[in-house]
Amino acid sequence: MILLGNTRLRLWLILMTALVMAFFASCAEVPLTGRKSLRLVPEHEVLSLSFQQYNEVLKKSTLSKDKEKVEMVRQVGRRIARAAEEFLEDQGLGYEIEHYQWEFNLIENDKVVNAWCMPGGKVAIYTGILKYTKDEAGLAVVLGHEVAHAIAHHGNERMSEALLANFGGMALSVALANRPTRTRQLFMAAFGVGANVGFLLPYSRIQESEADHIGVVLMARAGYDPRAALSFWKRMRKTSSKRPPEFLSTHPAPETRIKRLMGYVDEAMQYYRG
């Protein structure tokens, strides 16, 4: 039994050592903010999966036939994408998105107030959000935010976080192998809650704030007044229904978001005036 316990302990130590080594070897800096982010998944794998999933979503969706709205989305999208490329080139990071294939599509669904950008520059925006964007500047807020997620590699980071959490769970399972079954179940349940509330959700909120920050800089560089971001999020705040506590949410509370945006907008104005 002692030998078996020592074997499990060695296995646990090996797992944790590999985890720490992978963590430090896979850290990269987020543009503008300089935050260290985790990228465990090879970028070509992320892009391949992204392009495949994007095409599947489009096949299952109804694309808008309103030529004026579609052109507006694509025109604003092109300007934001060009600003993103120039922004990264200025920081010597243009190579990070050299395999991106920008695509902007408007999905016909007035009930969905949403937009997203997959790794690789694949963007979808739903018609339901247009009543809140109001104009091109409001649309630039949304597309700037979503493109920011892509160039900050938040998709890779979230996949890496999930892998990290699962890997930590395996290590914990090994460490508790000699415990009674009920005790192990309780510990694993606690780990799941701790990983979600203490690790995954905070990182998600960090990424949302980061996308707000980078997004207003991108829209300013693209020639849109970044102050439109404050107006847009104030309109969105009025539509918010009951929300979970901020520490259990993937997004910052509207009040927190607007307060932080004020500082981001002040910074972005230098690009807009320039």
C-alpha atoms as a PDB file:
ATOM      1  CA  MET A   1       0.000   0.000   0.000  1.00  0.00           C
ATOM      2  CA  ILE A   2       2.853   2.357   0.835  1.00  0.00           C
ATOM      3  CA  LEU A   3       4.476   1.605  -2.509  1.00  0.00           C
ATOM      4  CA  LEU A   4       1.179   2.169  -4.300  1.00  0.00           C
ATOM      5  CA  GLY A   5       0.702   5.459  -2.477  1.00  0.00           C
ATOM      6  CA  ASN A   6       4.200   6.591  -3.416  1.00  0.00           C
ATOM      7  CA  THR A   7       3.524   5.709  -7.062  1.00  0.00           C
ATOM      8  CA  ARG A   8       0.401   7.809  -7.080  1.00  0.00           C
ATOM      9  CA  LEU A   9       2.251  10.656  -5.397  1.00  0.00           C
ATOM     10  CA  ARG A  10       5.011  10.519  -8.020  1.00  0.00           C
ATOM     11  CA  LEU A  11       2.407  10.511 -10.779  1.00  0.00           C
ATOM     12  CA  TRP A  12       0.725  13.509  -9.211  1.00  0.00           C
ATOM     13  CA  LEU A  13       4.032  15.369  -8.976  1.00  0.00           C
ATOM     14  CA  ILE A  14       4.816  14.551 -12.620  1.00  0.00           C
ATOM     15  CA  LEU A  15       1.418  15.872 -13.695  1.00  0.00           C
ATOM     16  CA  MET A  16       1.831  19.083 -11.727  1.00  0.00           C
ATOM     17  CA  THR A  17       5.392  19.606 -12.997  1.00  0.00           C
ATOM     18  CA  ALA A  18       4.231  19.150 -16.589  1.00  0.00           C
ATOM     19  CA  LEU A  19       1.408  21.557 -15.923  1.00  0.00           C
ATOM     20  CA  VAL A  20       3.713  24.262 -14.573  1.00  0.00           C
ATOM     21  CA  MET A  21       6.161  23.803 -17.467  1.00  0.00           C
ATOM     22  CA  ALA A  22       3.375  24.015 -20.027  1.00  0.00           C
ATOM     23  CA  PHE A  23       2.021  27.129 -18.347  1.00  0.00           C
ATOM     24  CA  PHE A  24       5.269  29.089 -18.516  1.00  0.00           C
ATOM     25  CA  ALA A  25       6.159  27.839 -22.002  1.00  0.00           C
ATOM     26  CA  SER A  26       2.796  28.877 -23.423  1.00  0.00           C
ATOM     27  CA  CYS A  27       2.417  32.398 -22.048  1.00  0.00           C
ATOM     28  CA  ALA A  28       2.063  35.259 -24.494  1.00  0.00           C
ATOM     29  CA  GLU A  29       1.333  38.966 -24.180  1.00  0.00           C
ATOM     30  CA  VAL A  30      -2.000  40.502 -25.115  1.00  0.00           C
ATOM     31  CA  PRO A  31      -1.606  43.527 -27.429  1.00  0.00           C
ATOM     32  CA  LEU A  32      -2.084  46.940 -25.778  1.00  0.00           C
ATOM     33  CA  THR A  33      -2.747  45.647 -22.255  1.00  0.00           C
ATOM     34  CA  GLY A  34       0.435  43.571 -21.962  1.00  0.00           C
ATOM     35  CA  ARG A  35      -1.338  40.949 -19.854  1.00  0.00           C
ATOM     36  CA  LYS A  36       0.198  37.479 -19.929  1.00  0.00           C
ATOM     37  CA  SER A  37      -2.209  34.973 -21.471  1.00  0.00           C
ATOM     38  CA  LEU A  38      -2.129  31.210 -21.813  1.00  0.00           C
ATOM     39  CA  ARG A  39      -2.084  29.583 -25.260  1.00  0.00           C
ATOM     40  CA  LEU A  40      -1.676  25.835 -24.963  1.00  0.00           C
ATOM     41  CA  VAL A  41      -3.456  24.969 -28.224  1.00  0.00           C
ATOM     42  CA  PRO A  42      -1.476  25.250 -31.509  1.00  0.00           C
ATOM     43  CA  GLU A  43      -2.836  28.189 -33.491  1.00  0.00           C
ATOM     44  CA  HIS A  44      -3.334  26.164 -36.685  1.00  0.00           C
ATOM     45  CA  GLU A  45      -5.589  23.788 -34.740  1.00  0.00           C
ATOM     46  CA  VAL A  46      -7.609  26.697 -33.375  1.00  0.00           C
ATOM     47  CA  LEU A  47      -8.057  28.242 -36.833  1.00  0.00           C
ATOM     48  CA  SER A  48      -9.004  24.958 -38.473  1.00  0.00           C
ATOM     49  CA  LEU A  49     -11.674  24.300 -35.854  1.00  0.00           C
ATOM     50  CA  SER A  50     -12.884  27.896 -36.036  1.00  0.00           C
ATOM     51  CA  PHE A  51     -13.357  27.947 -39.809  1.00  0.00           C
ATOM     52  CA  GLN A  52     -15.186  24.630 -39.696  1.00  0.00           C
ATOM     53  CA  GLN A  53     -17.565  25.731 -36.944  1.00  0.00           C
ATOM     54  CA  TYR A  54     -18.219  29.082 -38.596  1.00  0.00           C
ATOM     55  CA  ASN A  55     -19.299  27.428 -41.834  1.00  0.00           C
ATOM     56  CA  GLU A  56     -21.563  25.082 -39.904  1.00  0.00           C
ATOM     57  CA  VAL A  57     -23.245  28.006 -38.139  1.00  0.00           C
ATOM     58  CA  LEU A  58     -23.832  29.817 -41.429  1.00  0.00           C
ATOM     59  CA  LYS A  59     -25.385  26.713 -42.990  1.00  0.00           C
ATOM     60  CA  LYS A  60     -27.885  26.511 -40.127  1.00  0.00           C
ATOM     61  CA  SER A  61     -28.646  30.249 -40.125  1.00  0.00           C
ATOM     62  CA  THR A  62     -30.638  32.578 -42.353  1.00  0.00           C
ATOM     63  CA  LEU A  63     -28.421  35.333 -43.699  1.00  0.00           C
ATOM     64  CA  SER A  64     -29.945  38.775 -44.048  1.00  0.00           C
ATOM     65  CA  LYS A  65     -31.027  39.808 -47.546  1.00  0.00           C
ATOM     66  CA  ASP A  66     -31.173  43.490 -46.646  1.00  0.00           C
ATOM     67  CA  LYS A  67     -28.414  44.728 -48.922  1.00  0.00           C
ATOM     68  CA  GLU A  68     -28.064  48.079 -47.175  1.00  0.00           C
ATOM     69  CA  LYS A  69     -27.617  46.559 -43.713  1.00  0.00           C
ATOM     70  CA  VAL A  70     -25.340  43.802 -44.978  1.00  0.00           C
ATOM     71  CA  GLU A  71     -23.110  46.312 -46.739  1.00  0.00           C
ATOM     72  CA  MET A  72     -22.996  48.508 -43.641  1.00  0.00           C
ATOM     73  CA  VAL A  73     -21.861  45.547 -41.513  1.00  0.00           C
ATOM     74  CA  ARG A  74     -19.202  44.562 -44.029  1.00  0.00           C
ATOM     75  CA  GLN A  75     -17.972  48.096 -44.584  1.00  0.00           C
ATOM     76  CA  VAL A  76     -17.587  48.796 -40.870  1.00  0.00           C
ATOM     77  CA  GLY A  77     -16.064  45.340 -40.430  1.00  0.00           C
ATOM     78  CA  ARG A  78     -13.460  45.948 -43.123  1.00  0.00           C
ATOM     79  CA  ARG A  79     -12.445  49.248 -41.538  1.00  0.00           C
ATOM     80  CA  ILE A  80     -12.134  47.651 -38.087  1.00  0.00           C
ATOM     81  CA  ALA A  81     -10.159  44.699 -39.507  1.00  0.00           C
ATOM     82  CA  ARG A  82      -7.783  47.036 -41.337  1.00  0.00           C
ATOM     83  CA  ALA A  83      -7.308  49.059 -38.139  1.00  0.00           C
ATOM     84  CA  ALA A  84      -6.582  45.825 -36.253  1.00  0.00           C
ATOM     85  CA  GLU A  85      -3.947  44.772 -38.779  1.00  0.00           C
ATOM     86  CA  GLU A  86      -2.250  48.178 -38.671  1.00  0.00           C
ATOM     87  CA  PHE A  87      -2.442  48.196 -34.879  1.00  0.00           C
ATOM     88  CA  LEU A  88      -0.650  44.841 -34.636  1.00  0.00           C
ATOM     89  CA  GLU A  89       1.896  45.777 -37.299  1.00  0.00           C
ATOM     90  CA  ASP A  90       2.750  48.909 -35.313  1.00  0.00           C
ATOM     91  CA  GLN A  91       3.513  46.661 -32.341  1.00  0.00           C
ATOM     92  CA  GLY A  92       5.527  44.202 -34.422  1.00  0.00           C
ATOM     93  CA  LEU A  93       2.830  41.553 -34.061  1.00  0.00           C
ATOM     94  CA  GLY A  94       1.433  41.458 -37.587  1.00  0.00           C
ATOM     95  CA  TYR A  95       2.585  37.854 -37.983  1.00  0.00           C
ATOM     96  CA  GLU A  96       0.085  36.751 -35.320  1.00  0.00           C
ATOM     97  CA  ILE A  97      -2.867  37.156 -37.685  1.00  0.00           C
ATOM     98  CA  GLU A  98      -1.234  36.521 -41.046  1.00  0.00           C
ATOM     99  CA  HIS A  99      -3.484  33.465 -41.532  1.00  0.00           C
ATOM    100  CA  TYR A 100      -6.705  35.266 -40.607  1.00  0.00           C
ATOM    101  CA  GLN A 101      -9.494  35.287 -43.171  1.00  0.00           C
ATOM    102  CA  TRP A 102     -11.775  38.187 -42.315  1.00  0.00           C
ATOM    103  CA  GLU A 103     -15.452  37.584 -42.972  1.00  0.00           C
ATOM    104  CA  PHE A 104     -18.453  39.573 -41.734  1.00  0.00           C
ATOM    105  CA  ASN A 105     -21.985  38.185 -42.040  1.00  0.00           C
ATOM    106  CA  LEU A 106     -25.336  39.490 -40.845  1.00  0.00           C
ATOM    107  CA  ILE A 107     -27.681  36.773 -39.572  1.00  0.00           C
ATOM    108  CA  GLU A 108     -31.414  37.436 -39.780  1.00  0.00           C
ATOM    109  CA  ASN A 109     -32.775  37.011 -36.264  1.00  0.00           C
ATOM    110  CA  ASP A 110     -34.367  40.011 -34.560  1.00  0.00           C
ATOM    111  CA  LYS A 111     -34.768  38.110 -31.278  1.00  0.00           C
ATOM    112  CA  VAL A 112     -31.040  37.597 -30.797  1.00  0.00           C
ATOM    113  CA  VAL A 113     -29.105  40.605 -29.481  1.00  0.00           C
ATOM    114  CA  ASN A 114     -25.622  39.299 -30.042  1.00  0.00           C
ATOM    115  CA  ALA A 115     -22.445  39.267 -32.134  1.00  0.00           C
ATOM    116  CA  TRP A 116     -19.306  37.156 -32.003  1.00  0.00           C
ATOM    117  CA  CYS A 117     -15.957  36.709 -33.670  1.00  0.00           C
ATOM    118  CA  MET A 118     -14.263  33.331 -33.907  1.00  0.00           C
ATOM    119  CA  PRO A 119     -10.477  32.977 -33.990  1.00  0.00           C
ATOM    120  CA  GLY A 120      -9.273  33.686 -37.490  1.00  0.00           C
ATOM    121  CA  GLY A 121     -11.521  36.700 -38.074  1.00  0.00           C
ATOM    122  CA  LYS A 122     -14.860  34.979 -38.713  1.00  0.00           C
ATOM    123  CA  VAL A 123     -17.535  37.412 -37.504  1.00  0.00           C
ATOM    124  CA  ALA A 124     -21.309  37.079 -37.204  1.00  0.00           C
ATOM    125  CA  ILE A 125     -23.726  39.756 -36.074  1.00  0.00           C
ATOM    126  CA  TYR A 126     -27.459  39.264 -35.519  1.00  0.00           C
ATOM    127  CA  THR A 127     -30.071  41.732 -36.741  1.00  0.00           C
ATOM    128  CA  GLY A 128     -31.479  41.925 -33.202  1.00  0.00           C
ATOM    129  CA  ILE A 129     -28.543  44.050 -32.059  1.00  0.00           C
ATOM    130  CA  LEU A 130     -28.941  46.681 -34.786  1.00  0.00           C
ATOM    131  CA  LYS A 131     -31.715  48.478 -32.899  1.00  0.00           C
ATOM    132  CA  TYR A 132     -29.135  49.206 -30.192  1.00  0.00           C
ATOM    133  CA  THR A 133     -26.153  50.052 -32.400  1.00  0.00           C
ATOM    134  CA  LYS A 134     -28.317  52.663 -34.200  1.00  0.00           C
ATOM    135  CA  ASP A 135     -25.625  53.760 -36.684  1.00  0.00           C
ATOM    136  CA  GLU A 136     -22.172  52.927 -38.031  1.00  0.00           C
ATOM    137  CA  ALA A 137     -20.405  54.230 -34.914  1.00  0.00           C
ATOM    138  CA  GLY A 138     -22.553  52.015 -32.692  1.00  0.00           C
ATOM    139  CA  LEU A 139     -21.863  49.076 -34.976  1.00  0.00           C
ATOM    140  CA  ALA A 140     -18.144  49.861 -34.772  1.00  0.00           C
ATOM    141  CA  VAL A 141     -18.376  49.505 -30.979  1.00  0.00           C
ATOM    142  CA  VAL A 142     -19.697  45.964 -31.339  1.00  0.00           C
ATOM    143  CA  LEU A 143     -17.384  44.886 -34.151  1.00  0.00           C
ATOM    144  CA  GLY A 144     -14.366  46.520 -32.507  1.00  0.00           C
ATOM    145  CA  HIS A 145     -15.098  44.567 -29.330  1.00  0.00           C
ATOM    146  CA  GLU A 146     -15.505  41.259 -31.185  1.00  0.00           C
ATOM    147  CA  VAL A 147     -12.429  41.711 -33.385  1.00  0.00           C
ATOM    148  CA  ALA A 148     -10.489  42.584 -30.224  1.00  0.00           C
ATOM    149  CA  HIS A 149     -11.360  39.138 -28.838  1.00  0.00           C
ATOM    150  CA  ALA A 150      -9.823  37.584 -31.951  1.00  0.00           C
ATOM    151  CA  ILE A 151      -6.547  39.536 -32.063  1.00  0.00           C
ATOM    152  CA  ALA A 152      -6.087  39.052 -28.309  1.00  0.00           C
ATOM    153  CA  HIS A 153      -6.430  35.292 -28.919  1.00  0.00           C
ATOM    154  CA  HIS A 154      -9.095  34.967 -26.257  1.00  0.00           C
ATOM    155  CA  GLY A 155     -10.483  31.872 -27.994  1.00  0.00           C
ATOM    156  CA  ASN A 156      -7.202  30.010 -27.580  1.00  0.00           C
ATOM    157  CA  GLU A 157      -6.920  31.236 -24.017  1.00  0.00           C
ATOM    158  CA  ARG A 158     -10.387  29.971 -23.082  1.00  0.00           C
ATOM    159  CA  MET A 159      -9.676  26.580 -24.619  1.00  0.00           C
ATOM    160  CA  SER A 160      -6.374  26.492 -22.715  1.00  0.00           C
ATOM    161  CA  GLU A 161      -8.096  27.429 -19.467  1.00  0.00           C
ATOM    162  CA  ALA A 162     -10.550  24.573 -19.900  1.00  0.00           C
ATOM    163  CA  LEU A 163      -7.684  22.168 -20.556  1.00  0.00           C
ATOM    164  CA  LEU A 164      -5.846  23.522 -17.529  1.00  0.00           C
ATOM    165  CA  ALA A 165      -8.904  23.088 -15.316  1.00  0.00           C
ATOM    166  CA  ASN A 166      -9.441  19.525 -16.554  1.00  0.00           C
ATOM    167  CA  PHE A 167      -5.773  18.727 -16.072  1.00  0.00           C
ATOM    168  CA  GLY A 168      -5.924  20.099 -12.538  1.00  0.00           C
ATOM    169  CA  GLY A 169      -8.969  17.948 -11.928  1.00  0.00           C
ATOM    170  CA  MET A 170      -7.080  14.835 -13.038  1.00  0.00           C
ATOM    171  CA  ALA A 171      -4.188  15.696 -10.730  1.00  0.00           C
ATOM    172  CA  LEU A 172      -6.585  16.198  -7.826  1.00  0.00           C
ATOM    173  CA  SER A 173      -8.273  12.890  -8.588  1.00  0.00           C
ATOM    174  CA  VAL A 174      -4.910  11.091  -8.398  1.00  0.00           C
ATOM    175  CA  ALA A 175      -4.040  12.813  -5.124  1.00  0.00           C
ATOM    176  CA  LEU A 176      -7.336  11.715  -3.560  1.00  0.00           C
ATOM    177  CA  ALA A 177      -7.235   8.162  -4.904  1.00  0.00           C
ATOM    178  CA  ASN A 178      -6.887   6.582  -1.424  1.00  0.00           C
ATOM    179  CA  ARG A 179      -9.704   8.610   0.093  1.00  0.00           C
ATOM    180  CA  PRO A 180     -13.203   7.159   0.673  1.00  0.00           C
ATOM    181  CA  THR A 181     -15.436   7.460  -2.404  1.00  0.00           C
ATOM    182  CA  ARG A 182     -17.781   9.999  -0.799  1.00  0.00           C
ATOM    183  CA  THR A 183     -14.868  12.214   0.277  1.00  0.00           C
ATOM    184  CA  ARG A 184     -13.410  12.153  -3.222  1.00  0.00           C
ATOM    185  CA  GLN A 185     -16.781  13.089  -4.722  1.00  0.00           C
ATOM    186  CA  LEU A 186     -17.094  16.062  -2.386  1.00  0.00           C
ATOM    187  CA  PHE A 187     -13.549  17.249  -3.107  1.00  0.00           C
ATOM    188  CA  MET A 188     -14.055  16.940  -6.869  1.00  0.00           C
ATOM    189  CA  ALA A 189     -17.344  18.841  -6.659  1.00  0.00           C
ATOM    190  CA  ALA A 190     -15.617  21.588  -4.679  1.00  0.00           C
ATOM    191  CA  PHE A 191     -12.813  21.692  -7.245  1.00  0.00           C
ATOM    192  CA  GLY A 192     -15.359  22.124 -10.027  1.00  0.00           C
ATOM    193  CA  VAL A 193     -16.995  25.086  -8.303  1.00  0.00           C
ATOM    194  CA  GLY A 194     -13.635  26.581  -7.375  1.00  0.00           C
ATOM    195  CA  ALA A 195     -12.284  26.288 -10.910  1.00  0.00           C
ATOM    196  CA  ASN A 196     -15.405  27.891 -12.380  1.00  0.00           C
ATOM    197  CA  VAL A 197     -15.877  30.764  -9.929  1.00  0.00           C
ATOM    198  CA  GLY A 198     -12.239  31.265  -8.966  1.00  0.00           C
ATOM    199  CA  PHE A 199     -10.555  30.751 -12.318  1.00  0.00           C
ATOM    200  CA  LEU A 200     -12.643  30.457 -15.490  1.00  0.00           C
ATOM    201  CA  LEU A 201     -15.255  33.160 -14.816  1.00  0.00           C
ATOM    202  CA  PRO A 202     -12.775  35.808 -13.615  1.00  0.00           C
ATOM    203  CA  TYR A 203     -10.674  35.211 -16.720  1.00  0.00           C
ATOM    204  CA  SER A 204     -13.784  35.575 -18.857  1.00  0.00           C
ATOM    205  CA  ARG A 205     -14.566  38.936 -17.234  1.00  0.00           C
ATOM    206  CA  ILE A 206     -10.944  40.018 -17.707  1.00  0.00           C
ATOM    207  CA  GLN A 207     -11.191  39.139 -21.387  1.00  0.00           C
ATOM    208  CA  GLU A 208     -14.441  41.092 -21.780  1.00  0.00           C
ATOM    209  CA  SER A 209     -12.900  44.214 -20.237  1.00  0.00           C
ATOM    210  CA  GLU A 210      -9.808  43.710 -22.354  1.00  0.00           C
ATOM    211  CA  ALA A 211     -11.943  43.486 -25.506  1.00  0.00           C
ATOM    212  CA  ASP A 212     -13.690  46.725 -24.494  1.00  0.00           C
ATOM    213  CA  HIS A 213     -10.292  48.390 -24.069  1.00  0.00           C
ATOM    214  CA  ILE A 214      -8.782  47.187 -27.342  1.00  0.00           C
ATOM    215  CA  GLY A 215     -12.097  47.596 -29.168  1.00  0.00           C
ATOM    216  CA  VAL A 216     -12.445  51.329 -28.562  1.00  0.00           C
ATOM    217  CA  VAL A 217      -8.840  51.843 -29.709  1.00  0.00           C
ATOM    218  CA  LEU A 218      -9.584  49.905 -32.900  1.00  0.00           C
ATOM    219  CA  MET A 219     -12.749  51.878 -33.647  1.00  0.00           C
ATOM    220  CA  ALA A 220     -10.902  55.136 -33.015  1.00  0.00           C
ATOM    221  CA  ARG A 221      -8.098  54.105 -35.375  1.00  0.00           C
ATOM    222  CA  ALA A 222     -10.761  53.167 -37.933  1.00  0.00           C
ATOM    223  CA  GLY A 223     -12.151  56.721 -37.775  1.00  0.00           C
ATOM    224  CA  TYR A 224     -15.143  56.208 -35.460  1.00  0.00           C
ATOM    225  CA  ASP A 225     -15.706  58.337 -32.366  1.00  0.00           C
ATOM    226  CA  PRO A 226     -14.925  56.060 -29.384  1.00  0.00           C
ATOM    227  CA  ARG A 227     -17.371  58.034 -27.218  1.00  0.00           C
ATOM    228  CA  ALA A 228     -20.105  56.141 -29.065  1.00  0.00           C
ATOM    229  CA  ALA A 229     -19.139  53.148 -26.888  1.00  0.00           C
ATOM    230  CA  LEU A 230     -20.529  54.878 -23.794  1.00  0.00           C
ATOM    231  CA  SER A 231     -23.818  55.656 -25.517  1.00  0.00           C
ATOM    232  CA  PHE A 232     -24.129  52.097 -26.815  1.00  0.00           C
ATOM    233  CA  TRP A 233     -23.560  50.424 -23.453  1.00  0.00           C
ATOM    234  CA  LYS A 234     -25.936  52.817 -21.722  1.00  0.00           C
ATOM    235  CA  ARG A 235     -28.617  51.761 -24.200  1.00  0.00           C
ATOM    236  CA  MET A 236     -27.770  48.130 -23.537  1.00  0.00           C
ATOM    237  CA  ARG A 237     -27.948  48.687 -19.769  1.00  0.00           C
ATOM    238  CA  LYS A 238     -31.569  49.775 -20.044  1.00  0.00           C
ATOM    239  CA  THR A 239     -32.469  46.420 -21.589  1.00  0.00           C
ATOM    240  CA  SER A 240     -30.720  44.316 -18.933  1.00  0.00           C
ATOM    241  CA  SER A 241     -33.033  41.975 -17.053  1.00  0.00           C
ATOM    242  CA  LYS A 242     -32.185  40.387 -13.722  1.00  0.00           C
ATOM    243  CA  ARG A 243     -28.535  39.440 -13.727  1.00  0.00           C
ATOM    244  CA  PRO A 244     -26.560  37.039 -11.562  1.00  0.00           C
ATOM    245  CA  PRO A 245     -24.037  38.566  -9.124  1.00  0.00           C
ATOM    246  CA  GLU A 246     -21.032  39.903 -11.015  1.00  0.00           C
ATOM    247  CA  PHE A 247     -18.675  37.335  -9.502  1.00  0.00           C
ATOM    248  CA  LEU A 248     -20.845  34.578 -11.054  1.00  0.00           C
ATOM    249  CA  SER A 249     -21.126  36.228 -14.456  1.00  0.00           C
ATOM    250  CA  THR A 250     -18.946  35.897 -17.524  1.00  0.00           C
ATOM    251  CA  HIS A 251     -19.369  39.614 -18.298  1.00  0.00           C
ATOM    252  CA  PRO A 252     -18.750  42.673 -16.122  1.00  0.00           C
ATOM    253  CA  ALA A 253     -21.873  44.291 -14.665  1.00  0.00           C
ATOM    254  CA  PRO A 254     -23.118  47.151 -16.909  1.00  0.00           C
ATOM    255  CA  GLU A 255     -22.189  49.794 -14.319  1.00  0.00           C
ATOM    256  CA  THR A 256     -18.673  48.365 -13.956  1.00  0.00           C
ATOM    257  CA  ARG A 257     -18.266  48.163 -17.716  1.00  0.00           C
ATOM    258  CA  ILE A 258     -19.320  51.773 -18.332  1.00  0.00           C
ATOM    259  CA  LYS A 259     -17.083  53.073 -15.533  1.00  0.00           C
ATOM    260  CA  ARG A 260     -14.049  51.321 -16.991  1.00  0.00           C
ATOM    261  CA  LEU A 261     -14.958  52.389 -20.519  1.00  0.00           C
ATOM    262  CA  MET A 262     -14.706  56.041 -19.536  1.00  0.00           C
ATOM    263  CA  GLY A 263     -10.984  55.568 -18.986  1.00  0.00           C
ATOM    264  CA  TYR A 264     -10.560  53.504 -22.151  1.00  0.00           C
ATOM    265  CA  VAL A 265     -12.378  56.131 -24.229  1.00  0.00           C
ATOM    266  CA  ASP A 266     -10.137  58.903 -22.918  1.00  0.00           C
ATOM    267  CA  GLU A 267      -7.124  56.886 -24.060  1.00  0.00           C
ATOM    268  CA  ALA A 268      -8.682  56.081 -27.443  1.00  0.00           C
ATOM    269  CA  MET A 269      -9.501  59.720 -28.193  1.00  0.00           C
ATOM    270  CA  GLN A 270      -5.862  60.405 -29.029  1.00  0.00           C
ATOM    271  CA  TYR A 271      -6.136  58.001 -31.960  1.00  0.00           C
ATOM    272  CA  TYR A 272      -9.449  59.453 -33.075  1.00  0.00           C
ATOM    273  CA  ARG A 273      -8.214  63.055 -32.992  1.00  0.00           C
ATOM    274  CA  GLY A 274      -4.992  61.995 -34.672  1.00  0.00           C
END
